[in-house]
Amino acid sequence: MHWRGELLNIHVTPQACGSMEALAEARLVAGVGIDGDRYAMRRGTYSVRHNVDRQVTLIEVEALEALMPTTLSLHPMSIGAI
């Protein structure tokens, strides 16, 4: 199976429940995650265990659109609240 897609946005935050910061580019660290992000610094709240297989989260635009009412426009910065 082959997947093809486009990376539309990169967002990080240095602390759990913090405001997301949009990045034009990012440094990816193997086995760690996105440099400067809460999970790379082990400050995230997703899991108490740091796992090398959970370095980034990819979300399909279609999945986000399905969560939003059709009358609202989807803004990339709203993703941090999900």
Protein backbone atom coordinates (compact mmCIF):
# COMPACT_ATOMS: atom_id res chain seq x y z
CA MET A 1 0.00 0.00 0.00
CA HIS A 2 1.30 3.43 -0.92
CA TRP A 3 0.23 6.68 0.70
CA ARG A 4 0.64 10.02 -0.88
CA GLY A 5 -0.08 13.29 0.83
CA GLU A 6 0.97 16.83 1.49
CA LEU A 7 2.14 18.30 4.78
CA LEU A 8 0.05 21.44 5.18
CA ASN A 9 0.99 22.61 8.68
CA ILE A 10 3.53 22.00 11.42
CA HIS A 11 2.51 23.05 14.93
CA VAL A 12 4.41 22.66 18.20
CA THR A 13 4.08 23.83 21.77
CA PRO A 14 6.71 23.60 24.52
CA GLN A 15 4.21 22.68 27.24
CA ALA A 16 1.07 20.59 27.74
CA CYS A 17 -2.13 22.54 27.00
CA GLY A 18 -0.03 25.40 25.60
CA SER A 19 -0.86 27.50 22.59
CA MET A 20 0.29 25.95 19.35
CA GLU A 21 2.96 27.72 17.31
CA ALA A 22 2.93 27.35 13.54
CA LEU A 23 6.32 26.62 11.97
CA ALA A 24 7.40 27.12 8.37
CA GLU A 25 9.97 24.34 8.87
CA ALA A 26 11.05 22.05 11.68
CA ARG A 27 14.01 19.96 12.79
CA LEU A 28 13.00 16.31 13.22
CA VAL A 29 15.04 14.22 15.64
CA ALA A 30 14.93 10.44 15.12
CA GLY A 31 13.58 8.63 18.17
CA VAL A 32 12.65 11.94 19.82
CA GLY A 33 10.23 13.99 17.70
CA ILE A 34 10.01 17.59 16.57
CA ASP A 35 12.69 19.78 18.13
CA GLY A 36 11.05 22.23 20.55
CA ASP A 37 7.80 20.31 20.92
CA ARG A 38 6.42 19.17 24.28
CA TYR A 39 6.68 15.49 23.41
CA ALA A 40 10.31 15.78 22.33
CA MET A 41 11.02 17.47 25.67
CA ARG A 42 8.86 14.89 27.49
CA ARG A 43 6.41 17.51 28.75
CA GLY A 44 3.40 16.19 26.85
CA THR A 45 0.39 14.69 28.57
CA TYR A 46 -0.55 12.06 25.99
CA SER A 47 1.35 9.29 27.72
CA VAL A 48 3.56 8.90 30.78
CA ARG A 49 5.80 6.58 28.75
CA HIS A 50 8.01 8.05 26.05
CA ASN A 51 7.74 5.84 22.97
CA VAL A 52 9.89 6.11 19.86
CA ASP A 53 6.85 5.21 17.74
CA ARG A 54 4.88 8.30 18.84
CA GLN A 55 7.09 11.16 17.72
CA VAL A 56 4.56 13.11 15.65
CA THR A 57 0.82 13.08 15.04
CA LEU A 58 -0.52 13.20 11.50
CA ILE A 59 -4.15 14.23 11.06
CA GLU A 60 -5.98 14.07 7.76
CA VAL A 61 -7.74 17.29 6.74
CA GLU A 62 -10.80 15.18 5.96
CA ALA A 63 -10.92 13.95 9.56
CA LEU A 64 -10.82 17.51 10.89
CA GLU A 65 -13.44 18.64 8.42
CA ALA A 66 -15.73 15.80 9.53
CA LEU A 67 -15.48 17.07 13.11
CA MET A 68 -16.46 20.62 12.22
CA PRO A 69 -19.97 21.85 11.45
CA THR A 70 -20.30 22.74 7.77
CA THR A 71 -20.94 26.40 8.62
CA LEU A 72 -17.52 26.91 10.25
CA SER A 73 -14.29 27.38 8.37
CA LEU A 74 -11.35 25.26 9.44
CA HIS A 75 -8.37 27.26 10.68
CA PRO A 76 -5.02 25.46 11.26
CA MET A 77 -4.47 27.05 14.70
CA SER A 78 -7.71 25.49 15.98
CA ILE A 79 -6.11 22.05 15.75
CA GLY A 80 -4.29 22.50 19.07
CA ALA A 81 -7.62 22.47 20.91
CA ILE A 82 -8.56 19.04 19.56
